Amino acid sequence: MNNMSNLMKQAKAMQDKMQELQKKVENTEVEGISGGGLVKVTINGKHTASKVNIDESLLKAEEKDVLEDLITAAINDATKKISDNMNNELGSLSGGLNLPPGMKLPF
């Protein structure tokens, strides 16, 4: 019975750490960059954009298609960084669990 009690304590501790980690990630901001820095997008861990910075050289009518592509690329870059950050944090949290490849927390 003592093992069950220890397991429950470990599960509760992990749940608390997951909630703490989730708050930390939600408050993290990353900057996605494209076009060699011509377009920068800042998003948070909730995948909400908070800032877009566009180099003035792109603010010409003939650059519209390029600008749209660069904004899309910057958003995708920032989103990937958020996902990578979350995976790194979860990796440290689940370090001793030996989860199968592809299995994500929370279950």
N, C-alpha and C. Protein backbone atom coordinates (compact mmCIF):
# COMPACT_ATOMS: atom_id res chain seq x y z
N MET A 1 0.82 -1.20 0.00
CA MET A 1 0.00 0.00 0.00
C MET A 1 0.87 1.26 0.00
N ASN A 2 2.04 1.15 0.62
CA ASN A 2 2.95 2.28 0.67
C ASN A 2 3.40 2.69 -0.73
N ASN A 3 3.58 1.69 -1.63
CA ASN A 3 3.96 1.99 -3.00
C ASN A 3 2.90 2.82 -3.70
N MET A 4 1.64 2.49 -3.46
CA MET A 4 0.54 3.24 -4.08
C MET A 4 0.54 4.68 -3.58
N SER A 5 0.80 4.87 -2.31
CA SER A 5 0.85 6.21 -1.73
C SER A 5 1.99 7.01 -2.36
N ASN A 6 3.14 6.37 -2.53
CA ASN A 6 4.28 7.04 -3.16
C ASN A 6 3.97 7.39 -4.61
N LEU A 7 3.30 6.48 -5.31
CA LEU A 7 2.93 6.73 -6.70
C LEU A 7 1.99 7.92 -6.80
N MET A 8 1.04 8.00 -5.90
CA MET A 8 0.09 9.11 -5.90
C MET A 8 0.81 10.44 -5.62
N LYS A 9 1.77 10.42 -4.70
CA LYS A 9 2.54 11.62 -4.40
C LYS A 9 3.35 12.05 -5.62
N GLN A 10 3.95 11.07 -6.30
CA GLN A 10 4.74 11.39 -7.50
C GLN A 10 3.85 11.95 -8.60
N ALA A 11 2.66 11.37 -8.77
CA ALA A 11 1.73 11.86 -9.79
C ALA A 11 1.30 13.29 -9.48
N LYS A 12 1.03 13.58 -8.23
CA LYS A 12 0.63 14.93 -7.82
C LYS A 12 1.77 15.92 -8.05
N ALA A 13 3.00 15.50 -7.70
CA ALA A 13 4.16 16.38 -7.90
C ALA A 13 4.36 16.66 -9.39
N MET A 14 4.18 15.64 -10.22
CA MET A 14 4.34 15.83 -11.65
C MET A 14 3.25 16.74 -12.20
N GLN A 15 2.04 16.59 -11.72
CA GLN A 15 0.94 17.45 -12.15
C GLN A 15 1.23 18.90 -11.78
N ASP A 16 1.74 19.12 -10.58
CA ASP A 16 2.09 20.48 -10.14
C ASP A 16 3.19 21.06 -11.03
N LYS A 17 4.19 20.24 -11.35
CA LYS A 17 5.27 20.70 -12.22
C LYS A 17 4.75 21.01 -13.62
N MET A 18 3.82 20.21 -14.12
CA MET A 18 3.24 20.44 -15.44
C MET A 18 2.50 21.78 -15.47
N GLN A 19 1.74 22.08 -14.42
CA GLN A 19 1.02 23.35 -14.36
C GLN A 19 1.99 24.52 -14.31
N GLU A 20 3.05 24.36 -13.54
CA GLU A 20 4.08 25.40 -13.44
C GLU A 20 4.77 25.60 -14.79
N LEU A 21 5.08 24.49 -15.45
CA LEU A 21 5.72 24.54 -16.76
C LEU A 21 4.81 25.20 -17.78
N GLN A 22 3.54 24.87 -17.75
CA GLN A 22 2.59 25.43 -18.70
C GLN A 22 2.52 26.96 -18.54
N LYS A 23 2.48 27.44 -17.32
CA LYS A 23 2.47 28.89 -17.08
C LYS A 23 3.75 29.53 -17.59
N LYS A 24 4.88 28.87 -17.34
CA LYS A 24 6.17 29.40 -17.78
C LYS A 24 6.20 29.51 -19.30
N VAL A 25 5.77 28.47 -19.99
CA VAL A 25 5.78 28.47 -21.45
C VAL A 25 4.81 29.51 -22.00
N GLU A 26 3.63 29.64 -21.40
CA GLU A 26 2.65 30.63 -21.86
C GLU A 26 3.20 32.05 -21.76
N ASN A 27 4.06 32.30 -20.78
CA ASN A 27 4.62 33.64 -20.59
C ASN A 27 5.90 33.88 -21.39
N THR A 28 6.40 32.83 -22.04
CA THR A 28 7.60 32.96 -22.86
C THR A 28 7.28 33.64 -24.17
N GLU A 29 8.13 34.56 -24.59
CA GLU A 29 7.98 35.20 -25.89
C GLU A 29 9.18 34.83 -26.75
N VAL A 30 8.91 34.53 -28.02
CA VAL A 30 9.98 34.25 -28.97
C VAL A 30 9.79 35.13 -30.19
N GLU A 31 10.88 35.34 -30.91
CA GLU A 31 10.84 36.16 -32.11
C GLU A 31 11.13 35.28 -33.32
N GLY A 32 10.20 35.25 -34.25
CA GLY A 32 10.40 34.57 -35.52
C GLY A 32 10.94 35.57 -36.52
N ILE A 33 11.93 35.12 -37.29
CA ILE A 33 12.61 36.02 -38.23
C ILE A 33 12.60 35.40 -39.61
N SER A 34 12.38 36.24 -40.63
CA SER A 34 12.49 35.77 -42.01
C SER A 34 13.10 36.87 -42.87
N GLY A 35 13.53 36.48 -44.06
CA GLY A 35 14.12 37.45 -44.97
C GLY A 35 15.38 38.08 -44.43
N GLY A 36 16.16 37.32 -43.67
CA GLY A 36 17.39 37.86 -43.12
C GLY A 36 17.17 39.00 -42.15
N GLY A 37 16.03 39.00 -41.48
CA GLY A 37 15.72 40.03 -40.49
C GLY A 37 14.82 41.13 -41.01
N LEU A 38 14.37 41.02 -42.25
CA LEU A 38 13.48 42.05 -42.81
C LEU A 38 12.10 42.02 -42.16
N VAL A 39 11.67 40.82 -41.73
CA VAL A 39 10.38 40.67 -41.06
C VAL A 39 10.62 39.91 -39.76
N LYS A 40 10.08 40.46 -38.67
CA LYS A 40 10.19 39.83 -37.36
C LYS A 40 8.80 39.79 -36.73
N VAL A 41 8.45 38.64 -36.16
CA VAL A 41 7.16 38.46 -35.50
C VAL A 41 7.43 37.92 -34.10
N THR A 42 6.82 38.53 -33.09
CA THR A 42 6.94 38.06 -31.71
C THR A 42 5.64 37.39 -31.31
N ILE A 43 5.76 36.15 -30.79
CA ILE A 43 4.58 35.44 -30.29
C ILE A 43 4.88 34.90 -28.90
N ASN A 44 3.80 34.59 -28.17
CA ASN A 44 3.98 34.01 -26.83
C ASN A 44 3.66 32.52 -26.87
N GLY A 45 3.78 31.89 -25.72
CA GLY A 45 3.55 30.45 -25.61
C GLY A 45 2.13 30.02 -25.89
N LYS A 46 1.21 30.96 -25.95
CA LYS A 46 -0.17 30.64 -26.32
C LYS A 46 -0.37 30.77 -27.83
N HIS A 47 0.75 30.99 -28.55
CA HIS A 47 0.75 31.18 -30.00
C HIS A 47 -0.03 32.43 -30.41
N THR A 48 0.03 33.47 -29.59
CA THR A 48 -0.60 34.74 -29.89
C THR A 48 0.47 35.75 -30.29
N ALA A 49 0.32 36.34 -31.47
CA ALA A 49 1.29 37.33 -31.93
C ALA A 49 1.11 38.62 -31.15
N SER A 50 2.22 39.21 -30.71
CA SER A 50 2.15 40.46 -29.98
C SER A 50 2.84 41.61 -30.71
N LYS A 51 3.67 41.28 -31.71
CA LYS A 51 4.39 42.34 -32.40
C LYS A 51 4.83 41.86 -33.78
N VAL A 52 4.74 42.76 -34.75
CA VAL A 52 5.26 42.51 -36.10
C VAL A 52 6.13 43.70 -36.46
N ASN A 53 7.35 43.42 -36.91
CA ASN A 53 8.28 44.47 -37.33
C ASN A 53 8.65 44.21 -38.78
N ILE A 54 8.39 45.21 -39.65
CA ILE A 54 8.65 45.07 -41.08
C ILE A 54 9.64 46.16 -41.50
N ASP A 55 10.72 45.74 -42.14
CA ASP A 55 11.70 46.69 -42.64
C ASP A 55 11.06 47.59 -43.69
N GLU A 56 11.38 48.86 -43.65
CA GLU A 56 10.77 49.84 -44.55
C GLU A 56 11.00 49.53 -46.03
N SER A 57 12.07 48.81 -46.34
CA SER A 57 12.36 48.50 -47.74
C SER A 57 11.29 47.61 -48.37
N LEU A 58 10.50 46.95 -47.54
CA LEU A 58 9.45 46.06 -48.04
C LEU A 58 8.11 46.76 -48.20
N LEU A 59 8.03 48.01 -47.82
CA LEU A 59 6.76 48.72 -47.84
C LEU A 59 6.51 49.41 -49.18
N LYS A 60 6.61 48.63 -50.22
CA LYS A 60 6.36 49.11 -51.58
C LYS A 60 5.33 48.19 -52.20
N ALA A 61 4.45 48.73 -53.02
CA ALA A 61 3.37 47.94 -53.62
C ALA A 61 3.90 46.73 -54.36
N GLU A 62 5.02 46.88 -55.06
CA GLU A 62 5.55 45.75 -55.84
C GLU A 62 6.16 44.66 -54.96
N GLU A 63 6.34 44.93 -53.68
CA GLU A 63 6.89 43.95 -52.74
C GLU A 63 5.80 43.22 -51.95
N LYS A 64 4.54 43.45 -52.27
CA LYS A 64 3.41 42.90 -51.51
C LYS A 64 3.51 41.38 -51.37
N ASP A 65 3.71 40.66 -52.47
CA ASP A 65 3.78 39.19 -52.41
C ASP A 65 4.95 38.72 -51.56
N VAL A 66 6.10 39.37 -51.71
CA VAL A 66 7.28 39.01 -50.93
C VAL A 66 7.00 39.25 -49.45
N LEU A 67 6.40 40.38 -49.13
CA LEU A 67 6.09 40.72 -47.74
C LEU A 67 5.16 39.69 -47.12
N GLU A 68 4.12 39.31 -47.84
CA GLU A 68 3.18 38.31 -47.32
C GLU A 68 3.90 36.99 -47.05
N ASP A 69 4.77 36.57 -47.96
CA ASP A 69 5.52 35.33 -47.76
C ASP A 69 6.45 35.42 -46.55
N LEU A 70 7.10 36.57 -46.38
CA LEU A 70 8.02 36.74 -45.26
C LEU A 70 7.29 36.78 -43.92
N ILE A 71 6.13 37.40 -43.88
CA ILE A 71 5.34 37.41 -42.64
C ILE A 71 4.93 35.99 -42.28
N THR A 72 4.46 35.24 -43.27
CA THR A 72 4.08 33.85 -43.03
C THR A 72 5.27 33.05 -42.51
N ALA A 73 6.43 33.22 -43.13
CA ALA A 73 7.63 32.50 -42.71
C ALA A 73 8.06 32.88 -41.29
N ALA A 74 7.95 34.16 -40.95
CA ALA A 74 8.32 34.61 -39.60
C ALA A 74 7.39 34.03 -38.55
N ILE A 75 6.10 33.99 -38.86
CA ILE A 75 5.13 33.39 -37.93
C ILE A 75 5.44 31.91 -37.74
N ASN A 76 5.70 31.21 -38.83
CA ASN A 76 6.03 29.78 -38.73
C ASN A 76 7.32 29.56 -37.95
N ASP A 77 8.30 30.43 -38.13
CA ASP A 77 9.56 30.33 -37.39
C ASP A 77 9.32 30.50 -35.89
N ALA A 78 8.53 31.49 -35.52
CA ALA A 78 8.23 31.74 -34.11
C ALA A 78 7.43 30.58 -33.51
N THR A 79 6.47 30.06 -34.26
CA THR A 79 5.66 28.94 -33.78
C THR A 79 6.54 27.71 -33.54
N LYS A 80 7.47 27.45 -34.44
CA LYS A 80 8.39 26.32 -34.27
C LYS A 80 9.24 26.50 -33.02
N LYS A 81 9.69 27.73 -32.77
CA LYS A 81 10.50 27.99 -31.59
C LYS A 81 9.71 27.74 -30.31
N ILE A 82 8.44 28.12 -30.30
CA ILE A 82 7.59 27.86 -29.13
C ILE A 82 7.45 26.35 -28.93
N SER A 83 7.18 25.61 -30.00
CA SER A 83 7.04 24.16 -29.90
C SER A 83 8.33 23.51 -29.42
N ASP A 84 9.47 23.95 -29.97
CA ASP A 84 10.76 23.41 -29.55
C ASP A 84 11.00 23.69 -28.07
N ASN A 85 10.67 24.90 -27.63
CA ASN A 85 10.84 25.27 -26.23
C ASN A 85 9.99 24.38 -25.33
N MET A 86 8.74 24.15 -25.72
CA MET A 86 7.85 23.30 -24.93
C MET A 86 8.40 21.88 -24.87
N ASN A 87 8.86 21.35 -26.01
CA ASN A 87 9.41 19.99 -26.03
C ASN A 87 10.65 19.88 -25.15
N ASN A 88 11.51 20.90 -25.15
CA ASN A 88 12.69 20.88 -24.29
C ASN A 88 12.29 20.89 -22.82
N GLU A 89 11.33 21.72 -22.48
CA GLU A 89 10.87 21.79 -21.09
C GLU A 89 10.24 20.47 -20.66
N LEU A 90 9.42 19.89 -21.52
CA LEU A 90 8.78 18.62 -21.20
C LEU A 90 9.81 17.51 -21.09
N GLY A 91 10.85 17.58 -21.92
CA GLY A 91 11.91 16.58 -21.86
C GLY A 91 12.59 16.58 -20.51
N SER A 92 12.82 17.75 -19.95
CA SER A 92 13.45 17.82 -18.64
C SER A 92 12.50 17.34 -17.55
N LEU A 93 11.21 17.58 -17.74
CA LEU A 93 10.22 17.16 -16.76
C LEU A 93 10.04 15.65 -16.77
N SER A 94 10.03 15.05 -17.96
CA SER A 94 9.77 13.62 -18.07
C SER A 94 11.04 12.80 -18.12
N GLY A 95 12.17 13.40 -17.78
CA GLY A 95 13.47 12.77 -17.88
C GLY A 95 13.55 11.34 -17.39
N GLY A 96 12.95 11.01 -16.29
CA GLY A 96 13.05 9.67 -15.75
C GLY A 96 11.95 8.73 -16.15
N LEU A 97 11.05 9.15 -17.02
CA LEU A 97 9.89 8.32 -17.33
C LEU A 97 10.10 7.35 -18.49
N ASN A 98 11.11 7.58 -19.33
CA ASN A 98 11.34 6.74 -20.51
C ASN A 98 10.09 6.58 -21.34
N LEU A 99 9.51 7.68 -21.76
CA LEU A 99 8.31 7.64 -22.59
C LEU A 99 8.66 7.13 -23.98
N PRO A 100 7.74 6.38 -24.61
CA PRO A 100 7.99 5.92 -25.98
C PRO A 100 8.12 7.10 -26.93
N PRO A 101 8.90 6.94 -28.02
CA PRO A 101 9.04 8.04 -28.99
C PRO A 101 7.68 8.48 -29.51
N GLY A 102 7.50 9.78 -29.60
CA GLY A 102 6.25 10.33 -30.12
C GLY A 102 5.17 10.54 -29.07
N MET A 103 5.33 9.96 -27.90
CA MET A 103 4.33 10.15 -26.84
C MET A 103 4.57 11.49 -26.19
N LYS A 104 3.52 12.28 -26.09
CA LYS A 104 3.64 13.63 -25.55
C LYS A 104 2.94 13.73 -24.21
N LEU A 105 3.43 14.64 -23.39
CA LEU A 105 2.77 14.98 -22.14
C LEU A 105 2.00 16.27 -22.35
N PRO A 106 0.90 16.54 -21.72
CA PRO A 106 0.15 15.58 -20.92
C PRO A 106 -0.51 14.55 -21.82
N PHE A 107 -0.80 13.39 -21.24
CA PHE A 107 -1.27 12.24 -22.02
C PHE A 107 -2.60 12.49 -22.66
